[in-house]
Structure formats: structure tokens, C-alpha cells
PDB file of N, CA and C in Angstrom:
ATOM      1  N   UNK A   1      67.513 -68.123 -26.879  1.00  0.00           N
ATOM      2  CA  UNK A   1      68.529 -67.128 -27.197  1.00  0.00           C
ATOM      3  C   UNK A   1      69.069 -66.559 -25.882  1.00  0.00           C
ATOM      4  N   UNK A   2      70.394 -66.609 -25.668  1.00  0.00           N
ATOM      5  CA  UNK A   2      70.971 -66.041 -24.442  1.00  0.00           C
ATOM      6  C   UNK A   2      70.700 -64.543 -24.339  1.00  0.00           C
ATOM      7  N   UNK A   3      70.804 -64.033 -23.131  1.00  0.00           N
ATOM      8  CA  UNK A   3      70.475 -62.631 -22.875  1.00  0.00           C
ATOM      9  C   UNK A   3      71.336 -61.680 -23.696  1.00  0.00           C
ATOM     10  N   UNK A   4      72.630 -61.984 -23.837  1.00  0.00           N
ATOM     11  CA  UNK A   4      73.503 -61.062 -24.573  1.00  0.00           C
ATOM     12  C   UNK A   4      73.109 -60.985 -26.051  1.00  0.00           C
ATOM     13  N   UNK A   5      72.712 -62.116 -26.627  1.00  0.00           N
ATOM     14  CA  UNK A   5      72.270 -62.094 -28.031  1.00  0.00           C
ATOM     15  C   UNK A   5      70.976 -61.292 -28.163  1.00  0.00           C
ATOM     16  N   UNK A   6      70.082 -61.460 -27.201  1.00  0.00           N
ATOM     17  CA  UNK A   6      68.825 -60.703 -27.231  1.00  0.00           C
ATOM     18  C   UNK A   6      69.095 -59.205 -27.091  1.00  0.00           C
ATOM     19  N   UNK A   7      70.041 -58.851 -26.221  1.00  0.00           N
ATOM     20  CA  UNK A   7      70.389 -57.437 -26.047  1.00  0.00           C
ATOM     21  C   UNK A   7      71.019 -56.864 -27.307  1.00  0.00           C
ATOM     22  N   UNK A   8      71.875 -57.640 -27.952  1.00  0.00           N
ATOM     23  CA  UNK A   8      72.490 -57.170 -29.203  1.00  0.00           C
ATOM     24  C   UNK A   8      71.428 -56.952 -30.277  1.00  0.00           C
ATOM     25  N   UNK A   9      70.494 -57.880 -30.378  1.00  0.00           N
ATOM     26  CA  UNK A   9      69.438 -57.753 -31.383  1.00  0.00           C
ATOM     27  C   UNK A   9      68.537 -56.563 -31.080  1.00  0.00           C
ATOM     28  N   UNK A  10      68.226 -56.345 -29.809  1.00  0.00           N
ATOM     29  CA  UNK A  10      67.399 -55.194 -29.434  1.00  0.00           C
ATOM     30  C   UNK A  10      68.093 -53.886 -29.808  1.00  0.00           C
ATOM     31  N   UNK A  11      69.417 -53.832 -29.622  1.00  0.00           N
ATOM     32  CA  UNK A  11      70.167 -52.627 -29.998  1.00  0.00           C
ATOM     33  C   UNK A  11      70.130 -52.424 -31.509  1.00  0.00           C
ATOM     34  N   UNK A  12      70.302 -53.512 -32.264  1.00  0.00           N
ATOM     35  CA  UNK A  12      70.247 -53.408 -33.725  1.00  0.00           C
ATOM     36  C   UNK A  12      68.865 -52.971 -34.205  1.00  0.00           C
ATOM     37  N   UNK A  13      67.821 -53.472 -33.562  1.00  0.00           N
ATOM     38  CA  UNK A  13      66.455 -53.090 -33.942  1.00  0.00           C
ATOM     39  C   UNK A  13      66.219 -51.603 -33.749  1.00  0.00           C
ATOM     40  N   UNK A  14      66.920 -51.009 -32.790  1.00  0.00           N
ATOM     41  CA  UNK A  14      66.769 -49.577 -32.524  1.00  0.00           C
ATOM     42  C   UNK A  14      67.733 -48.732 -33.352  1.00  0.00           C
ATOM     43  N   UNK A  15      68.556 -49.389 -34.178  1.00  0.00           N
ATOM     44  CA  UNK A  15      69.475 -48.655 -35.035  1.00  0.00           C
ATOM     45  C   UNK A  15      70.809 -48.347 -34.382  1.00  0.00           C
ATOM     46  N   UNK A  16      71.101 -48.977 -33.247  1.00  0.00           N
ATOM     47  CA  UNK A  16      72.371 -48.745 -32.556  1.00  0.00           C
ATOM     48  C   UNK A  16      73.337 -49.881 -32.860  1.00  0.00           C
ATOM     49  N   UNK A  17      74.611 -49.600 -32.684  1.00  0.00           N
ATOM     50  CA  UNK A  17      75.631 -50.627 -32.858  1.00  0.00           C
ATOM     51  C   UNK A  17      75.909 -51.227 -31.486  1.00  0.00           C
ATOM     52  N   UNK A  18      75.640 -52.519 -31.307  1.00  0.00           N
ATOM     53  CA  UNK A  18      75.874 -53.116 -29.988  1.00  0.00           C
ATOM     54  C   UNK A  18      77.359 -53.324 -29.720  1.00  0.00           C
ATOM     55  N   UNK A  19      77.807 -52.874 -28.569  1.00  0.00           N
ATOM     56  CA  UNK A  19      79.200 -53.048 -28.166  1.00  0.00           C
ATOM     57  C   UNK A  19      79.189 -53.910 -26.900  1.00  0.00           C
ATOM     58  N   UNK A  20      78.695 -55.109 -27.028  1.00  0.00           N
ATOM     59  CA  UNK A  20      78.619 -56.058 -25.929  1.00  0.00           C
ATOM     60  C   UNK A  20      79.576 -57.194 -26.254  1.00  0.00           C
ATOM     61  N   UNK A  21      80.560 -57.459 -25.389  1.00  0.00           N
ATOM     62  CA  UNK A  21      81.530 -58.506 -25.712  1.00  0.00           C
ATOM     63  C   UNK A  21      80.887 -59.890 -25.719  1.00  0.00           C
ATOM     64  N   UNK A  22      81.457 -60.766 -26.524  1.00  0.00           N
ATOM     65  CA  UNK A  22      80.996 -62.144 -26.598  1.00  0.00           C
ATOM     66  C   UNK A  22      81.706 -62.967 -25.529  1.00  0.00           C
ATOM     67  N   UNK A  23      81.028 -63.996 -25.047  1.00  0.00           N
ATOM     68  CA  UNK A  23      81.649 -64.894 -24.076  1.00  0.00           C
ATOM     69  C   UNK A  23      82.716 -65.725 -24.777  1.00  0.00           C
ATOM     70  N   UNK A  24      83.698 -66.157 -24.012  1.00  0.00           N
ATOM     71  CA  UNK A  24      84.804 -66.926 -24.578  1.00  0.00           C
ATOM     72  C   UNK A  24      84.330 -68.259 -25.155  1.00  0.00           C
ATOM     73  N   UNK A  25      83.308 -68.850 -24.536  1.00  0.00           N
ATOM     74  CA  UNK A  25      82.831 -70.167 -24.989  1.00  0.00           C
ATOM     75  C   UNK A  25      81.578 -70.077 -25.873  1.00  0.00           C
ATOM     76  N   UNK A  26      81.235 -68.882 -26.321  1.00  0.00           N
ATOM     77  CA  UNK A  26      80.041 -68.691 -27.146  1.00  0.00           C
ATOM     78  C   UNK A  26      80.262 -69.268 -28.550  1.00  0.00           C
ATOM     79  N   UNK A  27      79.279 -70.001 -29.023  1.00  0.00           N
ATOM     80  CA  UNK A  27      79.385 -70.594 -30.358  1.00  0.00           C
ATOM     81  C   UNK A  27      78.937 -69.581 -31.410  1.00  0.00           C
ATOM     82  N   UNK A  28      79.598 -69.613 -32.541  1.00  0.00           N
ATOM     83  CA  UNK A  28      79.203 -68.763 -33.654  1.00  0.00           C
ATOM     84  C   UNK A  28      79.516 -67.289 -33.458  1.00  0.00           C
ATOM     85  N   UNK A  29      80.478 -66.962 -32.594  1.00  0.00           N
ATOM     86  CA  UNK A  29      80.800 -65.543 -32.394  1.00  0.00           C
ATOM     87  C   UNK A  29      81.682 -65.053 -33.542  1.00  0.00           C
ATOM     88  N   UNK A  30      81.530 -63.798 -33.929  1.00  0.00           N
ATOM     89  CA  UNK A  30      82.337 -63.275 -35.037  1.00  0.00           C
ATOM     90  C   UNK A  30      83.800 -63.125 -34.617  1.00  0.00           C
ATOM     91  N   UNK A  31      84.677 -63.098 -35.593  1.00  0.00           N
ATOM     92  CA  UNK A  31      86.107 -62.970 -35.302  1.00  0.00           C
ATOM     93  C   UNK A  31      86.458 -61.546 -34.871  1.00  0.00           C
ATOM     94  N   UNK A  32      85.743 -60.574 -35.422  1.00  0.00           N
ATOM     95  CA  UNK A  32      86.064 -59.174 -35.151  1.00  0.00           C
ATOM     96  C   UNK A  32      85.215 -58.648 -33.999  1.00  0.00           C
ATOM     97  N   UNK A  33      85.850 -57.925 -33.102  1.00  0.00           N
ATOM     98  CA  UNK A  33      85.141 -57.211 -32.039  1.00  0.00           C
ATOM     99  C   UNK A  33      85.761 -55.823 -31.932  1.00  0.00           C
ATOM    100  N   UNK A  34      84.938 -54.800 -31.922  1.00  0.00           N
ATOM    101  CA  UNK A  34      85.417 -53.416 -31.923  1.00  0.00           C
ATOM    102  C   UNK A  34      85.933 -53.033 -30.536  1.00  0.00           C
ATOM    103  N   UNK A  35      87.197 -53.341 -30.275  1.00  0.00           N
ATOM    104  CA  UNK A  35      87.784 -53.060 -28.962  1.00  0.00           C
ATOM    105  C   UNK A  35      87.872 -51.566 -28.693  1.00  0.00           C
ATOM    106  N   UNK A  36      88.159 -50.785 -29.723  1.00  0.00           N
ATOM    107  CA  UNK A  36      88.280 -49.336 -29.534  1.00  0.00           C
ATOM    108  C   UNK A  36      86.940 -48.731 -29.117  1.00  0.00           C
ATOM    109  N   UNK A  37      85.855 -49.184 -29.742  1.00  0.00           N
ATOM    110  CA  UNK A  37      84.529 -48.700 -29.347  1.00  0.00           C
ATOM    111  C   UNK A  37      84.172 -49.147 -27.933  1.00  0.00           C
ATOM    112  N   UNK A  38      84.556 -50.378 -27.590  1.00  0.00           N
ATOM    113  CA  UNK A  38      84.273 -50.890 -26.252  1.00  0.00           C
ATOM    114  C   UNK A  38      85.033 -50.087 -25.196  1.00  0.00           C
ATOM    115  N   UNK A  39      86.278 -49.730 -25.488  1.00  0.00           N
ATOM    116  CA  UNK A  39      87.056 -48.923 -24.550  1.00  0.00           C
ATOM    117  C   UNK A  39      86.440 -47.534 -24.391  1.00  0.00           C
ATOM    118  N   UNK A  40      85.961 -46.971 -25.503  1.00  0.00           N
ATOM    119  CA  UNK A  40      85.300 -45.664 -25.426  1.00  0.00           C
ATOM    120  C   UNK A  40      84.031 -45.717 -24.605  1.00  0.00           C
ATOM    121  N   UNK A  41      83.262 -46.781 -24.798  1.00  0.00           N
ATOM    122  CA  UNK A  41      82.032 -46.968 -24.020  1.00  0.00           C
ATOM    123  C   UNK A  41      82.360 -47.089 -22.533  1.00  0.00           C
ATOM    124  N   UNK A  42      83.411 -47.837 -22.218  1.00  0.00           N
ATOM    125  CA  UNK A  42      83.807 -48.011 -20.819  1.00  0.00           C
ATOM    126  C   UNK A  42      84.227 -46.674 -20.214  1.00  0.00           C
ATOM    127  N   UNK A  43      84.954 -45.869 -20.971  1.00  0.00           N
ATOM    128  CA  UNK A  43      85.378 -44.551 -20.479  1.00  0.00           C
ATOM    129  C   UNK A  43      84.183 -43.660 -20.157  1.00  0.00           C
ATOM    130  N   UNK A  44      83.185 -43.693 -21.020  1.00  0.00           N
ATOM    131  CA  UNK A  44      81.988 -42.887 -20.793  1.00  0.00           C
ATOM    132  C   UNK A  44      81.265 -43.355 -19.541  1.00  0.00           C
ATOM    133  N   UNK A  45      81.112 -44.671 -19.389  1.00  0.00           N
ATOM    134  CA  UNK A  45      80.441 -45.205 -18.205  1.00  0.00           C
ATOM    135  C   UNK A  45      81.202 -44.848 -16.927  1.00  0.00           C
ATOM    136  N   UNK A  46      82.532 -44.887 -16.987  1.00  0.00           N
ATOM    137  CA  UNK A  46      83.339 -44.529 -15.824  1.00  0.00           C
ATOM    138  C   UNK A  46      83.203 -43.042 -15.498  1.00  0.00           C
ATOM    139  N   UNK A  47      83.149 -42.206 -16.523  1.00  0.00           N
ATOM    140  CA  UNK A  47      82.995 -40.770 -16.302  1.00  0.00           C
ATOM    141  C   UNK A  47      81.643 -40.455 -15.672  1.00  0.00           C
ATOM    142  N   UNK A  48      80.597 -41.101 -16.160  1.00  0.00           N
ATOM    143  CA  UNK A  48      79.266 -40.889 -15.571  1.00  0.00           C
ATOM    144  C   UNK A  48      79.260 -41.357 -14.129  1.00  0.00           C
ATOM    145  N   UNK A  49      79.933 -42.473 -13.847  1.00  0.00           N
ATOM    146  CA  UNK A  49      80.026 -42.968 -12.472  1.00  0.00           C
ATOM    147  C   UNK A  49      80.737 -41.971 -11.571  1.00  0.00           C
ATOM    148  N   UNK A  50      81.804 -41.348 -12.069  1.00  0.00           N
ATOM    149  CA  UNK A  50      82.514 -40.344 -11.270  1.00  0.00           C
ATOM    150  C   UNK A  50      81.644 -39.125 -11.012  1.00  0.00           C
ATOM    151  N   UNK A  51      80.883 -38.716 -12.007  1.00  0.00           N
ATOM    152  CA  UNK A  51      79.995 -37.564 -11.839  1.00  0.00           C
ATOM    153  C   UNK A  51      78.905 -37.882 -10.820  1.00  0.00           C
ATOM    154  N   UNK A  52      78.398 -39.112 -10.834  1.00  0.00           N
ATOM    155  CA  UNK A  52      77.327 -39.493  -9.909  1.00  0.00           C
ATOM    156  C   UNK A  52      77.801 -39.647  -8.471  1.00  0.00           C
ATOM    157  N   UNK A  53      79.113 -39.640  -8.242  1.00  0.00           N
ATOM    158  CA  UNK A  53      79.613 -39.699  -6.867  1.00  0.00           C
ATOM    159  C   UNK A  53      79.304 -38.421  -6.102  1.00  0.00           C
ATOM    160  N   UNK A  54      79.036 -37.360  -6.823  1.00  0.00           N
ATOM    161  CA  UNK A  54      78.683 -36.098  -6.179  1.00  0.00           C
ATOM    162  C   UNK A  54      77.196 -36.122  -5.830  1.00  0.00           C
ATOM    163  N   UNK A  55      76.922 -36.001  -4.558  1.00  0.00           N
ATOM    164  CA  UNK A  55      75.558 -36.152  -4.039  1.00  0.00           C
ATOM    165  C   UNK A  55      74.583 -35.175  -4.687  1.00  0.00           C
ATOM    166  N   UNK A  56      75.035 -33.974  -4.936  1.00  0.00           N
ATOM    167  CA  UNK A  56      74.142 -32.949  -5.497  1.00  0.00           C
ATOM    168  C   UNK A  56      73.663 -33.339  -6.900  1.00  0.00           C
ATOM    169  N   UNK A  57      74.502 -34.034  -7.649  1.00  0.00           N
ATOM    170  CA  UNK A  57      74.120 -34.486  -8.986  1.00  0.00           C
ATOM    171  C   UNK A  57      73.224 -35.711  -8.886  1.00  0.00           C
ATOM    172  N   UNK A  58      73.615 -36.667  -8.050  1.00  0.00           N
ATOM    173  CA  UNK A  58      72.873 -37.920  -7.921  1.00  0.00           C
ATOM    174  C   UNK A  58      71.442 -37.680  -7.454  1.00  0.00           C
ATOM    175  N   UNK A  59      71.271 -36.818  -6.472  1.00  0.00           N
ATOM    176  CA  UNK A  59      69.932 -36.558  -5.909  1.00  0.00           C
ATOM    177  C   UNK A  59      69.162 -35.505  -6.686  1.00  0.00           C
ATOM    178  N   UNK A  60      69.792 -34.944  -7.704  1.00  0.00           N
ATOM    179  CA  UNK A  60      69.168 -33.905  -8.543  1.00  0.00           C
ATOM    180  C   UNK A  60      68.610 -32.775  -7.676  1.00  0.00           C
ATOM    181  N   UNK A  61      69.503 -32.215  -6.839  1.00  0.00           N
ATOM    182  CA  UNK A  61      69.092 -31.122  -5.947  1.00  0.00           C
ATOM    183  C   UNK A  61      68.707 -29.871  -6.728  1.00  0.00           C
ATOM    184  N   UNK A  62      69.343 -29.670  -7.868  1.00  0.00           N
ATOM    185  CA  UNK A  62      69.012 -28.523  -8.713  1.00  0.00           C
ATOM    186  C   UNK A  62      67.841 -28.912  -9.607  1.00  0.00           C
ATOM    187  N   UNK A  63      66.770 -28.210  -9.501  1.00  0.00           N
ATOM    188  CA  UNK A  63      65.548 -28.615 -10.207  1.00  0.00           C
ATOM    189  C   UNK A  63      65.437 -28.067 -11.626  1.00  0.00           C
ATOM    190  N   UNK A  64      66.041 -26.909 -11.888  1.00  0.00           N
ATOM    191  CA  UNK A  64      65.928 -26.371 -13.239  1.00  0.00           C
ATOM    192  C   UNK A  64      67.023 -26.951 -14.127  1.00  0.00           C
ATOM    193  N   UNK A  65      66.740 -27.041 -15.403  1.00  0.00           N
ATOM    194  CA  UNK A  65      67.696 -27.609 -16.355  1.00  0.00           C
ATOM    195  C   UNK A  65      68.991 -26.792 -16.376  1.00  0.00           C
ATOM    196  N   UNK A  66      68.871 -25.491 -16.320  1.00  0.00           N
ATOM    197  CA  UNK A  66      70.026 -24.600 -16.372  1.00  0.00           C
ATOM    198  C   UNK A  66      70.934 -24.814 -15.159  1.00  0.00           C
ATOM    199  N   UNK A  67      70.370 -24.846 -13.966  1.00  0.00           N
ATOM    200  CA  UNK A  67      71.164 -25.029 -12.751  1.00  0.00           C
ATOM    201  C   UNK A  67      71.790 -26.426 -12.704  1.00  0.00           C
ATOM    202  N   UNK A  68      71.035 -27.435 -13.115  1.00  0.00           N
ATOM    203  CA  UNK A  68      71.557 -28.796 -13.102  1.00  0.00           C
ATOM    204  C   UNK A  68      72.728 -28.931 -14.074  1.00  0.00           C
ATOM    205  N   UNK A  69      72.592 -28.358 -15.258  1.00  0.00           N
ATOM    206  CA  UNK A  69      73.681 -28.400 -16.237  1.00  0.00           C
ATOM    207  C   UNK A  69      74.915 -27.670 -15.700  1.00  0.00           C
ATOM    208  N   UNK A  70      74.704 -26.589 -14.960  1.00  0.00           N
ATOM    209  CA  UNK A  70      75.828 -25.849 -14.378  1.00  0.00           C
ATOM    210  C   UNK A  70      76.553 -26.682 -13.333  1.00  0.00           C
ATOM    211  N   UNK A  71      75.799 -27.384 -12.501  1.00  0.00           N
ATOM    212  CA  UNK A  71      76.407 -28.232 -11.468  1.00  0.00           C
ATOM    213  C   UNK A  71      77.172 -29.386 -12.120  1.00  0.00           C
ATOM    214  N   UNK A  72      76.598 -29.996 -13.146  1.00  0.00           N
ATOM    215  CA  UNK A  72      77.292 -31.093 -13.840  1.00  0.00           C
ATOM    216  C   UNK A  72      78.576 -30.578 -14.472  1.00  0.00           C
ATOM    217  N   UNK A  73      78.548 -29.396 -15.064  1.00  0.00           N
ATOM    218  CA  UNK A  73      79.757 -28.811 -15.659  1.00  0.00           C
ATOM    219  C   UNK A  73      80.796 -28.519 -14.583  1.00  0.00           C
ATOM    220  N   UNK A  74      80.373 -28.025 -13.436  1.00  0.00           N
ATOM    221  CA  UNK A  74      81.286 -27.748 -12.332  1.00  0.00           C
ATOM    222  C   UNK A  74      81.945 -29.039 -11.837  1.00  0.00           C
ATOM    223  N   UNK A  75      81.131 -30.086 -11.681  1.00  0.00           N
ATOM    224  CA  UNK A  75      81.652 -31.384 -11.240  1.00  0.00           C
ATOM    225  C   UNK A  75      82.632 -31.943 -12.269  1.00  0.00           C
ATOM    226  N   UNK A  76      82.293 -31.830 -13.544  1.00  0.00           N
ATOM    227  CA  UNK A  76      83.199 -32.301 -14.592  1.00  0.00           C
ATOM    228  C   UNK A  76      84.523 -31.539 -14.538  1.00  0.00           C
ATOM    229  N   UNK A  77      84.451 -30.260 -14.242  1.00  0.00           N
ATOM    230  CA  UNK A  77      85.673 -29.460 -14.084  1.00  0.00           C
ATOM    231  C   UNK A  77      86.508 -29.936 -12.906  1.00  0.00           C
ATOM    232  N   UNK A  78      85.856 -30.251 -11.778  1.00  0.00           N
ATOM    233  CA  UNK A  78      86.577 -30.782 -10.617  1.00  0.00           C
ATOM    234  C   UNK A  78      87.287 -32.087 -10.967  1.00  0.00           C
ATOM    235  N   UNK A  79      86.583 -32.953 -11.669  1.00  0.00           N
ATOM    236  CA  UNK A  79      87.163 -34.249 -12.050  1.00  0.00           C
ATOM    237  C   UNK A  79      88.334 -34.043 -13.005  1.00  0.00           C
ATOM    238  N   UNK A  80      88.187 -33.117 -13.941  1.00  0.00           N
ATOM    239  CA  UNK A  80      89.279 -32.822 -14.871  1.00  0.00           C
ATOM    240  C   UNK A  80      90.489 -32.259 -14.146  1.00  0.00           C
ATOM    241  N   UNK A  81      90.256 -31.360 -13.206  1.00  0.00           N
ATOM    242  CA  UNK A  81      91.375 -30.788 -12.440  1.00  0.00           C
ATOM    243  C   UNK A  81      92.088 -31.855 -11.628  1.00  0.00           C
ATOM    244  N   UNK A  82      91.321 -32.747 -11.025  1.00  0.00           N
ATOM    245  CA  UNK A  82      91.928 -33.801 -10.214  1.00  0.00           C
ATOM    246  C   UNK A  82      92.763 -34.740 -11.081  1.00  0.00           C
ATOM    247  N   UNK A  83      92.240 -35.089 -12.261  1.00  0.00           N
ATOM    248  CA  UNK A  83      92.990 -35.999 -13.132  1.00  0.00           C
ATOM    249  C   UNK A  83      94.226 -35.327 -13.709  1.00  0.00           C
ATOM    250  N   UNK A  84      94.164 -34.033 -13.978  1.00  0.00           N
ATOM    251  CA  UNK A  84      95.325 -33.315 -14.517  1.00  0.00           C
ATOM    252  C   UNK A  84      96.363 -33.111 -13.422  1.00  0.00           C
ATOM    253  N   UNK A  85      95.917 -32.937 -12.189  1.00  0.00           N
ATOM    254  CA  UNK A  85      96.833 -32.692 -11.081  1.00  0.00           C
ATOM    255  C   UNK A  85      97.613 -33.957 -10.718  1.00  0.00           C
ATOM    256  N   UNK A  86      96.973 -35.111 -10.810  1.00  0.00           N
ATOM    257  CA  UNK A  86      97.632 -36.353 -10.422  1.00  0.00           C
ATOM    258  C   UNK A  86      98.487 -36.932 -11.542  1.00  0.00           C
ATOM    259  N   UNK A  87      98.345 -36.424 -12.746  1.00  0.00           N
ATOM    260  CA  UNK A  87      99.108 -36.985 -13.880  1.00  0.00           C
ATOM    261  C   UNK A  87     100.542 -36.549 -13.872  1.00  0.00           C
TER     262      UNK A  87
END
């Protein structure tokens, strides 16, 4: 079983919906693929990547849950301001 099929099955076993694209030459692939869910997943991964660019978040300099959540919210605000300013 190829790795992607094993990953999809592992996700199903845990009760999650796998959003892993099929290869173009894969045999027996379904006709339907949830592109909207895949785009949403990609957006989330990109947002987490942008948040992790901030050293204070990546290195977890804030040790308490409250302070760390505050820093993540501040960083998310910076990213939102930058995206709104450039639009």
C-alpha cells in the first residue's frame, strides 16, 4: 500500500476526513476530490507557517499558556494588519 493510501486510512481510523490529493497516475482513485476543503487546509497551514516566522512564537519564549496565547494573538494581528494594508 503506498504511503498516501496508508495515511488516508490512518486518518479514517481516527475519525478524520483525509484531505490528501491523489496522484495523477494512481489507479482506482475516486472521481470526486474536495477541493474546497483542500484549499482551506492549505490556508490554515500557510497561516501557521506565517505565525511561526516570529521567533518568539517558534522558540516558545513565553512559558505560561496565557502569555503564549497573547503573543500568538498579537502576531496574528500583525499578520492581519499587513494583509489588509497591502490589499
